[in-house]
Amino acid sequence: MSIVRVWIARRLFYLGTISVCQGNTTAISTLPVPQVSPPPPTHRAQSSANRKSRDLSVWTLVIVVVVAAAAVVAVVVVVVVVVVVVVVVVVVAVVVAVVVEVVLVPLVVVVVLVMVLLQ
């Protein structure tokens, strides 16, 4: 049976079924239903489908691993940046404290002494 005939027969059966469901029994509802089933898959087609499914699962696993690795790398980068910023802030604070202690305090003392001596 050609594809067109099968399609037409199915459409007519569908229309007949609707007519019967609505209580309108017509001659069209007595048409036989064509029994068209697809051929069973061959071993090669089944093997190809299994391989495609396996390939898909492998690619899914690869994508999951890559995304997880990227997330781990991103977290490590954020942690390293935070640690570096904290270390830089602490070093700058220590340097400023040392400069104030070593340079500015004696300078203020000298300036005060000079002002006292000049009066």
N, C-alpha and C. Protein backbone atom coordinates (compact mmCIF):
# COMPACT_ATOMS: atom_id res chain seq x y z
N MET A 1 0.84 -1.17 0.00
CA MET A 1 0.00 0.00 0.00
C MET A 1 0.89 1.24 0.00
N SER A 2 0.57 2.19 -0.80
CA SER A 2 1.42 3.38 -0.85
C SER A 2 1.15 4.27 0.37
N ILE A 3 2.05 5.17 0.59
CA ILE A 3 1.94 6.07 1.75
C ILE A 3 0.71 6.96 1.64
N VAL A 4 0.41 7.38 0.43
CA VAL A 4 -0.75 8.27 0.22
C VAL A 4 -2.03 7.52 0.55
N ARG A 5 -2.13 6.25 0.09
CA ARG A 5 -3.33 5.47 0.38
C ARG A 5 -3.49 5.25 1.89
N VAL A 6 -2.39 4.95 2.55
CA VAL A 6 -2.46 4.75 3.99
C VAL A 6 -2.92 6.02 4.68
N TRP A 7 -2.38 7.15 4.26
CA TRP A 7 -2.75 8.42 4.86
C TRP A 7 -4.24 8.70 4.65
N ILE A 8 -4.70 8.48 3.43
CA ILE A 8 -6.13 8.71 3.13
C ILE A 8 -7.00 7.77 3.94
N ALA A 9 -6.59 6.50 4.03
CA ALA A 9 -7.38 5.54 4.80
C ALA A 9 -7.43 5.93 6.27
N ARG A 10 -6.34 6.39 6.81
CA ARG A 10 -6.33 6.80 8.21
C ARG A 10 -7.21 8.03 8.43
N ARG A 11 -7.16 8.97 7.48
CA ARG A 11 -8.00 10.16 7.62
C ARG A 11 -9.48 9.76 7.57
N LEU A 12 -9.82 8.86 6.65
CA LEU A 12 -11.21 8.44 6.56
C LEU A 12 -11.64 7.70 7.82
N PHE A 13 -10.75 6.86 8.35
CA PHE A 13 -11.08 6.15 9.59
C PHE A 13 -11.28 7.13 10.73
N TYR A 14 -10.42 8.13 10.78
CA TYR A 14 -10.54 9.15 11.82
C TYR A 14 -11.88 9.87 11.71
N LEU A 15 -12.23 10.25 10.49
CA LEU A 15 -13.52 10.93 10.29
C LEU A 15 -14.67 10.01 10.65
N GLY A 16 -14.57 8.73 10.30
CA GLY A 16 -15.61 7.77 10.64
C GLY A 16 -15.73 7.59 12.14
N THR A 17 -14.62 7.57 12.82
CA THR A 17 -14.64 7.43 14.28
C THR A 17 -15.33 8.62 14.91
N ILE A 18 -15.05 9.80 14.39
CA ILE A 18 -15.72 10.99 14.92
C ILE A 18 -17.22 10.89 14.69
N SER A 19 -17.61 10.42 13.51
CA SER A 19 -19.05 10.30 13.21
C SER A 19 -19.71 9.31 14.15
N VAL A 20 -19.06 8.18 14.41
CA VAL A 20 -19.64 7.18 15.30
C VAL A 20 -19.74 7.73 16.71
N CYS A 21 -18.70 8.45 17.15
CA CYS A 21 -18.72 9.02 18.49
C CYS A 21 -19.85 10.03 18.65
N GLN A 22 -20.20 10.68 17.56
CA GLN A 22 -21.26 11.68 17.63
C GLN A 22 -22.63 11.05 17.44
N GLY A 23 -22.68 9.73 17.26
CA GLY A 23 -23.96 9.04 17.09
C GLY A 23 -24.42 9.00 15.66
N ASN A 24 -23.66 9.48 14.73
CA ASN A 24 -24.03 9.49 13.33
C ASN A 24 -23.31 8.34 12.64
N THR A 25 -23.92 7.19 12.58
CA THR A 25 -23.26 6.05 11.94
C THR A 25 -23.47 6.16 10.45
N THR A 26 -22.38 6.26 9.76
CA THR A 26 -22.43 6.36 8.31
C THR A 26 -21.62 5.21 7.72
N ALA A 27 -21.67 5.11 6.45
CA ALA A 27 -20.95 4.03 5.77
C ALA A 27 -19.44 4.21 5.90
N ILE A 28 -19.04 5.45 6.11
CA ILE A 28 -17.60 5.69 6.19
C ILE A 28 -16.99 5.06 7.44
N SER A 29 -17.81 4.86 8.48
CA SER A 29 -17.28 4.30 9.72
C SER A 29 -17.02 2.81 9.62
N THR A 30 -17.46 2.17 8.55
CA THR A 30 -17.27 0.73 8.41
C THR A 30 -16.01 0.39 7.63
N LEU A 31 -15.24 1.40 7.25
CA LEU A 31 -14.01 1.12 6.51
C LEU A 31 -13.03 0.35 7.40
N PRO A 32 -12.32 -0.58 6.82
CA PRO A 32 -11.35 -1.33 7.64
C PRO A 32 -10.16 -0.44 7.99
N VAL A 33 -9.60 -0.70 9.14
CA VAL A 33 -8.45 0.06 9.59
C VAL A 33 -7.20 -0.58 9.00
N PRO A 34 -6.41 0.19 8.27
CA PRO A 34 -5.19 -0.40 7.73
C PRO A 34 -4.18 -0.67 8.85
N GLN A 35 -3.66 -1.84 8.88
CA GLN A 35 -2.68 -2.21 9.89
C GLN A 35 -1.29 -2.04 9.30
N VAL A 36 -0.73 -0.90 9.48
CA VAL A 36 0.62 -0.60 8.97
C VAL A 36 1.53 -0.42 10.17
N SER A 37 2.46 -1.29 10.30
CA SER A 37 3.41 -1.16 11.40
C SER A 37 4.81 -1.05 10.81
N PRO A 38 5.65 -0.29 11.45
CA PRO A 38 7.00 -0.15 10.92
C PRO A 38 7.75 -1.48 11.05
N PRO A 39 8.67 -1.70 10.14
CA PRO A 39 9.44 -2.95 10.22
C PRO A 39 10.29 -2.96 11.48
N PRO A 40 10.53 -4.13 12.02
CA PRO A 40 11.36 -4.19 13.23
C PRO A 40 12.78 -3.71 12.92
N PRO A 41 13.41 -3.07 13.88
CA PRO A 41 14.75 -2.57 13.61
C PRO A 41 15.75 -3.71 13.41
N THR A 42 16.61 -3.49 12.47
CA THR A 42 17.63 -4.50 12.22
C THR A 42 18.69 -4.40 13.31
N HIS A 43 19.55 -5.38 13.35
CA HIS A 43 20.60 -5.39 14.37
C HIS A 43 21.53 -4.19 14.19
N ARG A 44 21.79 -3.85 12.93
CA ARG A 44 22.68 -2.72 12.66
C ARG A 44 22.04 -1.41 13.11
N ALA A 45 20.74 -1.26 12.83
CA ALA A 45 20.05 -0.03 13.25
C ALA A 45 20.00 0.04 14.78
N GLN A 46 19.74 -1.10 15.42
CA GLN A 46 19.69 -1.12 16.88
C GLN A 46 21.06 -0.78 17.46
N SER A 47 22.11 -1.32 16.85
CA SER A 47 23.47 -1.05 17.32
C SER A 47 23.81 0.42 17.14
N SER A 48 23.39 0.98 15.99
CA SER A 48 23.64 2.40 15.73
C SER A 48 22.91 3.27 16.75
N ALA A 49 21.66 2.91 17.07
CA ALA A 49 20.90 3.68 18.05
C ALA A 49 21.55 3.59 19.43
N ASN A 50 22.02 2.40 19.79
CA ASN A 50 22.70 2.24 21.08
C ASN A 50 23.98 3.06 21.12
N ARG A 51 24.72 3.06 19.99
CA ARG A 51 25.98 3.81 19.95
C ARG A 51 25.70 5.30 20.05
N LYS A 52 24.66 5.76 19.38
CA LYS A 52 24.32 7.19 19.46
C LYS A 52 23.93 7.57 20.88
N SER A 53 23.16 6.70 21.54
CA SER A 53 22.77 6.96 22.92
C SER A 53 23.99 6.98 23.82
N ARG A 54 24.90 6.04 23.59
CA ARG A 54 26.12 5.98 24.40
C ARG A 54 26.98 7.21 24.14
N ASP A 55 27.10 7.61 22.87
CA ASP A 55 27.88 8.81 22.54
C ASP A 55 27.28 10.04 23.22
N LEU A 56 25.95 10.12 23.23
CA LEU A 56 25.28 11.25 23.86
C LEU A 56 25.57 11.27 25.36
N SER A 57 25.53 10.09 25.99
CA SER A 57 25.79 10.06 27.42
C SER A 57 27.25 10.40 27.72
N VAL A 58 28.17 9.99 26.84
CA VAL A 58 29.58 10.33 27.03
C VAL A 58 29.76 11.84 26.91
N TRP A 59 29.13 12.44 25.91
CA TRP A 59 29.27 13.90 25.74
C TRP A 59 28.63 14.64 26.91
N THR A 60 27.51 14.12 27.41
CA THR A 60 26.89 14.74 28.58
C THR A 60 27.83 14.69 29.77
N LEU A 61 28.47 13.54 29.96
CA LEU A 61 29.42 13.40 31.06
C LEU A 61 30.60 14.36 30.88
N VAL A 62 31.10 14.47 29.66
CA VAL A 62 32.22 15.39 29.39
C VAL A 62 31.81 16.82 29.71
N ILE A 63 30.62 17.22 29.29
CA ILE A 63 30.15 18.58 29.55
C ILE A 63 30.02 18.83 31.05
N VAL A 64 29.48 17.86 31.78
CA VAL A 64 29.33 18.01 33.23
C VAL A 64 30.69 18.15 33.89
N VAL A 65 31.66 17.33 33.47
CA VAL A 65 33.00 17.41 34.06
C VAL A 65 33.65 18.75 33.75
N VAL A 66 33.51 19.22 32.52
CA VAL A 66 34.11 20.50 32.15
C VAL A 66 33.48 21.65 32.93
N VAL A 67 32.17 21.64 33.08
CA VAL A 67 31.49 22.70 33.83
C VAL A 67 31.91 22.66 35.30
N ALA A 68 32.00 21.45 35.86
CA ALA A 68 32.43 21.33 37.26
C ALA A 68 33.87 21.82 37.43
N ALA A 69 34.74 21.47 36.49
CA ALA A 69 36.12 21.94 36.57
C ALA A 69 36.19 23.46 36.46
N ALA A 70 35.39 24.03 35.57
CA ALA A 70 35.37 25.49 35.44
C ALA A 70 34.87 26.15 36.72
N ALA A 71 33.89 25.54 37.37
CA ALA A 71 33.39 26.10 38.63
C ALA A 71 34.47 26.05 39.71
N VAL A 72 35.20 24.93 39.77
CA VAL A 72 36.27 24.81 40.77
C VAL A 72 37.36 25.85 40.50
N VAL A 73 37.73 26.01 39.23
CA VAL A 73 38.76 26.99 38.88
C VAL A 73 38.28 28.40 39.24
N ALA A 74 37.04 28.70 38.98
CA ALA A 74 36.50 30.03 39.32
C ALA A 74 36.56 30.28 40.82
N VAL A 75 36.20 29.28 41.61
CA VAL A 75 36.25 29.44 43.07
C VAL A 75 37.68 29.65 43.54
N VAL A 76 38.61 28.87 42.99
CA VAL A 76 40.02 29.02 43.37
C VAL A 76 40.53 30.40 43.00
N VAL A 77 40.18 30.89 41.83
CA VAL A 77 40.63 32.22 41.40
C VAL A 77 40.07 33.29 42.34
N VAL A 78 38.81 33.19 42.71
CA VAL A 78 38.21 34.17 43.62
C VAL A 78 38.92 34.15 44.98
N VAL A 79 39.19 32.95 45.50
CA VAL A 79 39.87 32.84 46.79
C VAL A 79 41.26 33.44 46.71
N VAL A 80 42.00 33.15 45.64
CA VAL A 80 43.36 33.69 45.49
C VAL A 80 43.31 35.21 45.41
N VAL A 81 42.38 35.77 44.66
CA VAL A 81 42.28 37.23 44.54
C VAL A 81 41.97 37.85 45.90
N VAL A 82 41.06 37.26 46.65
CA VAL A 82 40.72 37.80 47.98
C VAL A 82 41.94 37.75 48.90
N VAL A 83 42.66 36.65 48.89
CA VAL A 83 43.85 36.52 49.74
C VAL A 83 44.90 37.56 49.34
N VAL A 84 45.13 37.74 48.05
CA VAL A 84 46.12 38.73 47.58
C VAL A 84 45.71 40.13 48.01
N VAL A 85 44.44 40.47 47.89
CA VAL A 85 43.98 41.81 48.29
C VAL A 85 44.17 42.01 49.79
N VAL A 86 43.84 41.02 50.59
CA VAL A 86 44.02 41.14 52.04
C VAL A 86 45.50 41.32 52.38
N VAL A 87 46.37 40.54 51.76
CA VAL A 87 47.81 40.65 52.02
C VAL A 87 48.32 42.03 51.63
N VAL A 88 47.91 42.54 50.50
CA VAL A 88 48.35 43.87 50.06
C VAL A 88 47.88 44.94 51.03
N VAL A 89 46.64 44.85 51.49
CA VAL A 89 46.13 45.85 52.45
C VAL A 89 46.92 45.80 53.75
N VAL A 90 47.21 44.60 54.23
CA VAL A 90 47.98 44.48 55.48
C VAL A 90 49.39 45.02 55.30
N VAL A 91 50.04 44.71 54.19
CA VAL A 91 51.40 45.20 53.95
C VAL A 91 51.40 46.72 53.86
N VAL A 92 50.45 47.30 53.17
CA VAL A 92 50.37 48.77 53.06
C VAL A 92 50.15 49.39 54.44
N ALA A 93 49.30 48.78 55.24
CA ALA A 93 49.05 49.31 56.59
C ALA A 93 50.31 49.26 57.44
N VAL A 94 51.06 48.17 57.33
CA VAL A 94 52.30 48.03 58.10
C VAL A 94 53.33 49.07 57.63
N VAL A 95 53.46 49.24 56.35
CA VAL A 95 54.41 50.21 55.81
C VAL A 95 54.04 51.62 56.26
N VAL A 96 52.78 51.96 56.21
CA VAL A 96 52.33 53.28 56.65
C VAL A 96 52.62 53.46 58.14
N ALA A 97 52.37 52.44 58.94
CA ALA A 97 52.63 52.54 60.38
C ALA A 97 54.12 52.72 60.65
N VAL A 98 54.97 52.00 59.92
CA VAL A 98 56.42 52.13 60.10
C VAL A 98 56.88 53.51 59.69
N VAL A 99 56.38 54.01 58.58
CA VAL A 99 56.77 55.34 58.11
C VAL A 99 56.35 56.39 59.13
N VAL A 100 55.15 56.29 59.65
CA VAL A 100 54.69 57.25 60.65
C VAL A 100 55.56 57.16 61.90
N GLU A 101 55.86 55.95 62.33
CA GLU A 101 56.64 55.76 63.55
C GLU A 101 58.08 56.23 63.41
N VAL A 102 58.69 55.93 62.27
CA VAL A 102 60.13 56.21 62.09
C VAL A 102 60.38 57.62 61.60
N VAL A 103 59.54 58.14 60.73
CA VAL A 103 59.83 59.42 60.08
C VAL A 103 59.04 60.56 60.71
N LEU A 104 57.76 60.41 60.84
CA LEU A 104 56.94 61.55 61.25
C LEU A 104 57.08 61.91 62.73
N VAL A 105 57.17 60.92 63.58
CA VAL A 105 57.27 61.23 65.01
C VAL A 105 58.57 62.01 65.31
N PRO A 106 59.74 61.55 64.86
CA PRO A 106 60.94 62.37 65.10
C PRO A 106 60.86 63.74 64.44
N LEU A 107 60.24 63.81 63.27
CA LEU A 107 60.11 65.10 62.59
C LEU A 107 59.26 66.05 63.42
N VAL A 108 58.17 65.58 63.98
CA VAL A 108 57.32 66.41 64.82
C VAL A 108 58.07 66.84 66.07
N VAL A 109 58.84 65.93 66.65
CA VAL A 109 59.63 66.27 67.83
C VAL A 109 60.64 67.36 67.51
N VAL A 110 61.32 67.24 66.38
CA VAL A 110 62.31 68.23 65.97
C VAL A 110 61.64 69.57 65.71
N VAL A 111 60.50 69.58 65.05
CA VAL A 111 59.79 70.82 64.76
C VAL A 111 59.36 71.49 66.07
N VAL A 112 58.85 70.73 67.01
CA VAL A 112 58.42 71.30 68.29
C VAL A 112 59.63 71.86 69.04
N LEU A 113 60.75 71.16 69.06
CA LEU A 113 61.96 71.65 69.73
C LEU A 113 62.46 72.95 69.09
N VAL A 114 62.46 72.99 67.78
CA VAL A 114 62.91 74.20 67.09
C VAL A 114 61.99 75.36 67.42
N MET A 115 60.70 75.12 67.46
CA MET A 115 59.76 76.21 67.78
C MET A 115 59.96 76.68 69.23
N VAL A 116 60.23 75.76 70.12
CA VAL A 116 60.46 76.14 71.52
C VAL A 116 61.76 76.93 71.64
N LEU A 117 62.78 76.52 70.95
CA LEU A 117 64.07 77.20 71.01
C LEU A 117 64.01 78.58 70.35
N LEU A 118 63.21 78.76 69.35
CA LEU A 118 63.12 80.04 68.65
C LEU A 118 62.28 81.05 69.42
N GLN A 119 61.55 80.69 70.37
CA GLN A 119 60.72 81.65 71.11
C GLN A 119 61.50 82.44 72.08
